[in-house]
Amino acid sequence: MAKTGSWWAPDRHADRRPALLSRGRIKKALHAFFEARDFTEVECGALAVSPGNEAHLTAFAAERVAIDGSRRTLYLHTSPEFAAKKLLAAGESRIFDFARVFRNREGGPLHAAEFTMLEWYRAREPCEAVIADTLDLVRLAADTAEAEVFTWQGRECDPRSPPERLTVAQAFARHAAIDLMATLDDEGRGGRDALAAAVQRAGVAVAANDGWSDIFSKVLVTIEPKLGNGRPTVLCEYPRCEAALARAATHDRRVAERFEVYVCGVELANGFGELTDPAEQRARFEAEEAERERIYGERYPIDEELLAALAIMPEASGVALGFDRLVMLATGARTLEDVLWTPAP
């Protein structure tokens, strides 16, 4: 018998089915969007040498047993990014992937251990091009679902309104009264004590073992519900120390070409002007893995083939969009699980 609340209980499935059918229509519409713009759909493999090297992303490990009985650890990818960048190095220029991705230590209304990430790249095109794509996709999802507004947890957003554009520094100043740029050095490295003092004056608690990134995240979490209300928000110019895969901005090396799009306080998309300098990328990965070891007591490998590919990869811009979150907002669903055909156990 179905347990109370099981996703496969017939009555619950009947409640979820309209949103699931809408999910399929939205996916078809997004497919058509990319195909009309001469993108190639790719299918990046889920098994990877490295699952990603951002300190707070936790992966699922898998054991690969070769035909000779030798064993090695591989990982289910947390994003198709590394494989997609190798395809750009190989000569692809516009690609997209509805990728199944996997993340441990995740759960709640906006998170799942297994979910769909829509990721796409434009070689030799600026970040503004993929920002425009993202906003077009938000509008297209609304049109396909016949949604006048997006709503979530009492917040509303008109997905067709011109977006608000804020730098991260502007958001910290407006919503937390913190001068974020004063805590960065000339290369965008964060000064832990300077940020801790500013944050404590703003009334946010700081633990003794919190690093600059931990403190930054604590403040950002308080700001996020204030973004994307009434109209979408494009949050841009992240500090370089919070953009491990993005290149430095040409006008200010303290910040990077990283942006996120928010709707109803929900982060929908995370995009970059991609970093292609393998030496700098290695240094950033090593810094992230040192932070992971400090917090979680483990390290993930660095994908040496990715670094080799970056040396010949053209300049590019890319975005990772939470497809399930977009469907959730477009259909008015309460949680991510309500728009997943078979939620992970």
Protein backbone atom coordinates (compact mmCIF):
# COMPACT_ATOMS: atom_id res chain seq x y z
CA MET A 1 0.00 0.00 0.00
CA ALA A 2 1.05 3.57 -0.63
CA LYS A 3 2.21 5.39 2.45
CA THR A 4 0.51 8.68 3.20
CA GLY A 5 2.22 11.30 1.05
CA SER A 6 4.01 8.86 -1.28
CA TRP A 7 4.45 10.51 -4.67
CA TRP A 8 3.08 7.38 -6.35
CA ALA A 9 -0.12 7.27 -4.29
CA PRO A 10 -2.90 7.56 -6.92
CA ASP A 11 -4.62 10.53 -5.29
CA ARG A 12 -1.38 12.46 -4.92
CA HIS A 13 -0.29 11.64 -8.47
CA ALA A 14 -3.66 12.90 -9.73
CA ASP A 15 -3.01 16.20 -7.94
CA ARG A 16 0.50 16.49 -9.40
CA ARG A 17 -0.30 15.35 -12.93
CA PRO A 18 -1.44 18.72 -14.40
CA ALA A 19 1.90 20.30 -13.43
CA LEU A 20 3.80 17.30 -14.79
CA LEU A 21 2.02 17.56 -18.13
CA SER A 22 2.80 21.27 -18.18
CA ARG A 23 6.44 20.35 -17.53
CA GLY A 24 6.48 18.39 -20.78
CA ARG A 25 4.98 21.30 -22.74
CA ILE A 26 7.51 23.73 -21.29
CA LYS A 27 10.39 21.39 -22.15
CA LYS A 28 9.20 21.13 -25.76
CA ALA A 29 8.92 24.91 -26.00
CA LEU A 30 12.44 25.39 -24.64
CA HIS A 31 13.77 22.77 -27.06
CA ALA A 32 12.22 24.69 -29.94
CA PHE A 33 13.75 27.94 -28.63
CA PHE A 34 17.27 26.55 -28.87
CA GLU A 35 16.75 24.74 -32.15
CA ALA A 36 15.45 27.95 -33.75
CA ARG A 37 18.73 29.62 -32.75
CA ASP A 38 20.99 26.98 -34.28
CA PHE A 39 21.96 25.26 -31.02
CA THR A 40 22.94 21.60 -30.97
CA GLU A 41 21.49 19.42 -28.24
CA VAL A 42 24.17 17.36 -26.50
CA GLU A 43 24.01 14.63 -23.87
CA CYS A 44 26.88 14.92 -21.40
CA GLY A 45 27.66 11.71 -19.52
CA ALA A 46 26.80 11.62 -15.83
CA LEU A 47 29.97 9.84 -14.65
CA ALA A 48 32.96 12.11 -14.19
CA VAL A 49 36.52 12.09 -12.87
CA SER A 50 35.66 15.19 -10.85
CA PRO A 51 32.10 16.17 -9.94
CA GLY A 52 32.95 19.87 -9.71
CA ASN A 53 35.28 21.85 -7.50
CA GLU A 54 33.06 24.30 -5.65
CA ALA A 55 33.60 23.92 -1.91
CA HIS A 56 29.96 23.52 -0.89
CA LEU A 57 28.86 21.12 -3.65
CA THR A 58 28.78 17.53 -2.43
CA ALA A 59 28.67 14.67 -4.90
CA PHE A 60 27.63 11.02 -5.07
CA ALA A 61 30.59 8.69 -5.50
CA ALA A 62 30.53 5.55 -7.65
CA GLU A 63 33.03 2.72 -8.05
CA ARG A 64 34.16 1.90 -11.59
CA VAL A 65 35.27 -1.71 -11.97
CA ALA A 66 37.28 -2.29 -15.15
CA ILE A 67 37.28 -5.53 -17.12
CA ASP A 68 40.59 -6.48 -15.46
CA GLY A 69 39.05 -6.03 -12.02
CA SER A 70 40.85 -2.78 -11.20
CA ARG A 71 38.80 -0.22 -9.35
CA ARG A 72 38.66 3.56 -9.21
CA THR A 73 36.28 6.17 -7.89
CA LEU A 74 34.16 8.21 -10.26
CA TYR A 75 31.40 10.68 -9.41
CA LEU A 76 27.91 11.52 -10.63
CA HIS A 77 28.28 15.01 -11.99
CA THR A 78 26.79 17.99 -10.15
CA SER A 79 26.62 19.82 -13.49
CA PRO A 80 27.45 18.99 -17.12
CA GLU A 81 29.79 21.99 -17.22
CA PHE A 82 33.14 20.24 -17.43
CA ALA A 83 32.02 17.95 -20.25
CA ALA A 84 30.31 20.82 -22.09
CA LYS A 85 33.49 22.89 -22.01
CA LYS A 86 35.42 19.99 -23.53
CA LEU A 87 32.85 19.99 -26.35
CA LEU A 88 33.48 23.70 -26.89
CA ALA A 89 37.19 22.96 -27.07
CA ALA A 90 36.40 20.22 -29.60
CA GLY A 91 34.76 22.76 -31.90
CA GLU A 92 31.09 23.01 -30.89
CA SER A 93 29.86 26.59 -30.78
CA ARG A 94 26.26 26.61 -29.50
CA ILE A 95 25.15 23.70 -27.32
CA PHE A 96 22.45 22.88 -24.78
CA ASP A 97 21.76 19.91 -22.51
CA PHE A 98 18.76 18.95 -20.38
CA ALA A 99 21.06 17.14 -17.97
CA ARG A 100 20.19 14.91 -15.07
CA VAL A 101 22.48 16.00 -12.24
CA PHE A 102 23.07 14.79 -8.70
CA ARG A 103 23.92 16.60 -5.48
CA ASN A 104 24.34 15.24 -1.98
CA ARG A 105 23.54 17.18 1.20
CA GLU A 106 20.55 18.78 -0.58
CA GLY A 107 16.86 18.77 0.29
CA GLY A 108 13.85 20.98 0.94
CA PRO A 109 11.23 22.80 -1.15
CA LEU A 110 13.82 24.11 -3.65
CA HIS A 111 16.38 21.29 -3.68
CA ALA A 112 16.54 17.65 -4.69
CA ALA A 113 19.26 15.03 -4.75
CA GLU A 114 18.53 14.37 -8.45
CA PHE A 115 17.15 17.05 -10.73
CA THR A 116 17.25 18.49 -14.25
CA MET A 117 19.65 21.27 -15.11
CA LEU A 118 19.25 23.04 -18.43
CA GLU A 119 22.71 24.21 -19.39
CA TRP A 120 23.73 26.04 -22.56
CA TYR A 121 26.78 27.78 -24.02
CA ARG A 122 27.51 30.35 -26.70
CA ALA A 123 31.11 30.34 -27.95
CA ARG A 124 32.58 33.73 -28.88
CA GLU A 125 29.53 35.57 -27.56
CA PRO A 126 29.30 37.88 -24.54
CA CYS A 127 27.59 37.28 -21.24
CA GLU A 128 24.81 39.67 -22.24
CA ALA A 129 23.70 37.17 -24.90
CA VAL A 130 23.04 34.40 -22.37
CA ILE A 131 21.41 36.83 -19.92
CA ALA A 132 18.97 37.70 -22.71
CA ASP A 133 18.43 33.97 -23.38
CA THR A 134 17.60 33.37 -19.73
CA LEU A 135 15.00 36.12 -19.56
CA ASP A 136 13.47 34.92 -22.84
CA LEU A 137 13.15 31.40 -21.41
CA VAL A 138 11.43 32.70 -18.27
CA ARG A 139 8.88 34.51 -20.45
CA LEU A 140 8.48 31.48 -22.71
CA ALA A 141 7.75 29.21 -19.75
CA ALA A 142 5.12 31.66 -18.54
CA ASP A 143 3.50 31.81 -21.97
CA THR A 144 3.51 28.03 -22.34
CA ALA A 145 1.96 27.49 -18.91
CA GLU A 146 -0.46 30.41 -19.50
CA ALA A 147 0.73 32.01 -16.26
CA GLU A 148 0.03 35.72 -15.84
CA VAL A 149 2.33 35.91 -12.83
CA PHE A 150 4.69 33.58 -11.01
CA THR A 151 3.99 33.04 -7.32
CA TRP A 152 5.89 31.30 -4.56
CA GLN A 153 5.47 31.47 -0.78
CA GLY A 154 3.42 34.64 -0.90
CA ARG A 155 5.68 36.47 -3.37
CA GLU A 156 4.70 37.46 -6.91
CA CYS A 157 6.66 38.31 -10.05
CA ASP A 158 5.57 39.37 -13.52
CA PRO A 159 7.90 37.27 -15.71
CA ARG A 160 7.30 39.54 -18.69
CA SER A 161 8.38 42.76 -16.97
CA PRO A 162 11.73 44.36 -17.80
CA PRO A 163 14.18 43.02 -15.21
CA GLU A 164 15.80 44.84 -12.34
CA ARG A 165 19.58 44.76 -12.62
CA LEU A 166 21.72 44.89 -9.48
CA THR A 167 25.36 44.27 -8.81
CA VAL A 168 26.06 42.13 -5.76
CA ALA A 169 27.64 45.16 -4.10
CA GLN A 170 24.48 47.21 -4.73
CA ALA A 171 22.32 44.43 -3.30
CA PHE A 172 24.48 44.23 -0.14
CA ALA A 173 24.30 48.01 0.27
CA ARG A 174 20.55 48.26 -0.37
CA HIS A 175 19.31 45.24 1.56
CA ALA A 176 21.96 44.77 4.28
CA ALA A 177 23.68 48.18 4.58
CA ILE A 178 27.07 46.56 3.95
CA ASP A 179 29.89 48.00 1.82
CA LEU A 180 30.97 44.73 0.25
CA MET A 181 33.65 46.19 -2.01
CA ALA A 182 35.50 47.57 1.01
CA THR A 183 36.15 43.98 2.11
CA LEU A 184 37.90 42.96 -1.16
CA ASP A 185 41.51 43.49 -2.22
CA ASP A 186 42.54 44.59 -5.72
CA GLU A 187 42.24 41.02 -7.06
CA GLY A 188 38.85 40.29 -5.52
CA ARG A 189 40.07 38.28 -2.55
CA GLY A 190 37.91 38.69 0.52
CA GLY A 191 39.13 40.07 3.83
CA ARG A 192 37.47 37.91 6.45
CA ASP A 193 37.78 40.28 9.41
CA ALA A 194 36.56 43.31 7.47
CA LEU A 195 33.44 41.48 6.30
CA ALA A 196 32.81 39.96 9.72
CA ALA A 197 32.87 43.40 11.34
CA ALA A 198 30.49 44.85 8.74
CA VAL A 199 28.10 41.92 9.01
CA GLN A 200 28.02 42.00 12.80
CA ARG A 201 27.15 45.70 12.68
CA ALA A 202 24.24 44.69 10.43
CA GLY A 203 23.04 42.20 13.05
CA VAL A 204 24.09 38.92 11.38
CA ALA A 205 25.78 36.38 13.65
CA VAL A 206 29.29 35.26 12.68
CA ALA A 207 30.94 32.10 14.02
CA ALA A 208 34.61 32.04 14.91
CA ASN A 209 35.40 29.46 12.21
CA ASP A 210 33.39 31.20 9.45
CA GLY A 211 35.54 32.15 6.48
CA TRP A 212 34.86 35.09 4.16
CA SER A 213 32.75 32.90 1.87
CA ASP A 214 30.68 31.55 4.78
CA ILE A 215 29.91 35.06 5.96
CA PHE A 216 29.11 36.23 2.43
CA SER A 217 26.65 33.34 2.03
CA LYS A 218 24.94 34.10 5.34
CA VAL A 219 24.20 37.64 4.17
CA LEU A 220 23.19 36.60 0.67
CA VAL A 221 20.62 34.18 2.10
CA THR A 222 18.93 37.12 3.86
CA ILE A 223 18.95 39.17 0.64
CA GLU A 224 17.63 36.52 -1.77
CA PRO A 225 13.95 36.71 -0.66
CA LYS A 226 14.01 40.40 -1.60
CA LEU A 227 15.06 39.71 -5.20
CA GLY A 228 12.78 39.02 -8.14
CA ASN A 229 9.65 40.44 -6.53
CA GLY A 230 7.37 42.25 -8.95
CA ARG A 231 9.86 41.69 -11.77
CA PRO A 232 12.87 39.42 -12.37
CA THR A 233 16.21 40.46 -10.90
CA VAL A 234 19.55 39.97 -12.64
CA LEU A 235 22.17 39.91 -9.87
CA CYS A 236 25.61 40.44 -11.43
CA GLU A 237 29.28 41.24 -10.78
CA TYR A 238 30.00 38.70 -8.07
CA PRO A 239 33.29 39.07 -6.18
CA ARG A 240 35.96 37.00 -7.94
CA CYS A 241 36.38 34.83 -4.86
CA GLU A 242 32.72 33.80 -5.31
CA ALA A 243 33.04 32.98 -9.01
CA ALA A 244 35.50 30.10 -9.37
CA LEU A 245 34.59 29.39 -13.00
CA ALA A 246 34.06 32.94 -14.31
CA ARG A 247 36.55 35.36 -15.84
CA ALA A 248 37.36 38.70 -14.25
CA ALA A 249 35.37 41.72 -15.41
CA THR A 250 37.36 44.03 -17.69
CA HIS A 251 36.27 47.19 -15.87
CA ASP A 252 37.09 45.97 -12.34
CA ARG A 253 39.25 42.93 -11.51
CA ARG A 254 37.69 42.66 -8.08
CA VAL A 255 34.53 41.25 -9.63
CA ALA A 256 33.77 38.53 -12.16
CA GLU A 257 31.42 38.02 -15.07
CA ARG A 258 28.98 35.97 -13.04
CA PHE A 259 25.24 36.59 -12.80
CA GLU A 260 22.19 34.94 -11.28
CA VAL A 261 18.53 35.45 -12.19
CA TYR A 262 15.95 35.56 -9.39
CA VAL A 263 12.17 35.27 -9.56
CA CYS A 264 9.98 35.41 -6.43
CA GLY A 265 13.12 35.21 -4.29
CA VAL A 266 14.10 31.95 -6.02
CA GLU A 267 17.45 31.61 -7.78
CA LEU A 268 16.63 30.28 -11.25
CA ALA A 269 19.88 30.53 -13.17
CA ASN A 270 23.61 30.94 -12.63
CA GLY A 271 25.73 32.11 -15.57
CA PHE A 272 29.29 33.08 -16.42
CA GLY A 273 31.54 34.67 -18.89
CA GLU A 274 33.67 31.54 -18.82
CA LEU A 275 37.21 31.46 -17.47
CA THR A 276 39.58 29.92 -20.04
CA ASP A 277 42.96 30.46 -18.36
CA PRO A 278 44.00 26.96 -17.18
CA ALA A 279 46.59 28.25 -14.68
CA GLU A 280 44.12 30.57 -12.99
CA GLN A 281 41.43 27.89 -13.09
CA ARG A 282 43.76 25.41 -11.37
CA ALA A 283 44.55 27.95 -8.65
CA ARG A 284 40.86 28.57 -8.06
CA PHE A 285 40.05 24.87 -7.93
CA GLU A 286 42.85 24.28 -5.44
CA ALA A 287 41.55 27.12 -3.25
CA GLU A 288 38.03 25.65 -3.38
CA GLU A 289 39.27 22.18 -2.47
CA ALA A 290 41.29 23.56 0.44
CA GLU A 291 38.08 25.18 1.70
CA ARG A 292 36.16 21.92 1.21
CA GLU A 293 38.78 20.08 3.26
CA ARG A 294 38.58 22.72 6.00
CA ILE A 295 34.80 22.39 6.26
CA TYR A 296 34.04 18.79 5.30
CA GLY A 297 37.36 16.98 5.70
CA GLU A 298 37.51 15.74 2.09
CA ARG A 299 38.80 16.73 -1.34
CA TYR A 300 37.67 15.97 -4.89
CA PRO A 301 40.10 15.44 -7.75
CA ILE A 302 40.85 18.13 -10.30
CA ASP A 303 39.91 17.19 -13.86
CA GLU A 304 43.23 17.51 -15.68
CA GLU A 305 41.59 17.00 -19.07
CA LEU A 306 39.33 19.98 -18.39
CA LEU A 307 42.35 22.17 -17.74
CA ALA A 308 43.95 20.94 -20.96
CA ALA A 309 40.73 21.69 -22.85
CA LEU A 310 40.56 25.23 -21.45
CA ALA A 311 43.87 25.99 -23.15
CA ILE A 312 42.21 25.61 -26.58
CA MET A 313 38.61 26.48 -25.69
CA PRO A 314 37.34 29.71 -27.27
CA GLU A 315 35.91 32.51 -25.15
CA ALA A 316 32.34 31.60 -24.27
CA SER A 317 29.39 32.38 -22.05
CA GLY A 318 27.18 29.80 -20.38
CA VAL A 319 24.23 29.35 -18.06
CA ALA A 320 22.94 26.63 -15.76
CA LEU A 321 19.18 26.97 -15.20
CA GLY A 322 17.19 24.94 -12.70
CA PHE A 323 14.57 23.55 -15.07
CA ASP A 324 12.47 22.05 -12.25
CA ARG A 325 12.41 25.39 -10.43
CA LEU A 326 11.25 27.16 -13.58
CA VAL A 327 8.44 24.64 -14.00
CA MET A 328 7.51 24.96 -10.33
CA LEU A 329 7.13 28.73 -10.65
CA ALA A 330 5.34 28.61 -13.99
CA THR A 331 2.78 26.07 -12.75
CA GLY A 332 2.29 27.51 -9.26
CA ALA A 333 3.49 24.27 -7.64
CA ARG A 334 4.35 24.41 -3.94
CA THR A 335 7.64 22.52 -4.01
CA LEU A 336 10.15 21.08 -6.44
CA GLU A 337 8.92 17.56 -5.70
CA ASP A 338 5.50 18.45 -7.12
CA VAL A 339 7.01 18.84 -10.62
CA LEU A 340 9.34 15.80 -10.59
CA TRP A 341 7.84 12.71 -12.23
CA THR A 342 9.65 10.35 -9.84
CA PRO A 343 11.29 12.22 -6.95
CA ALA A 344 14.49 10.72 -5.56
CA PRO A 345 14.07 8.65 -2.37
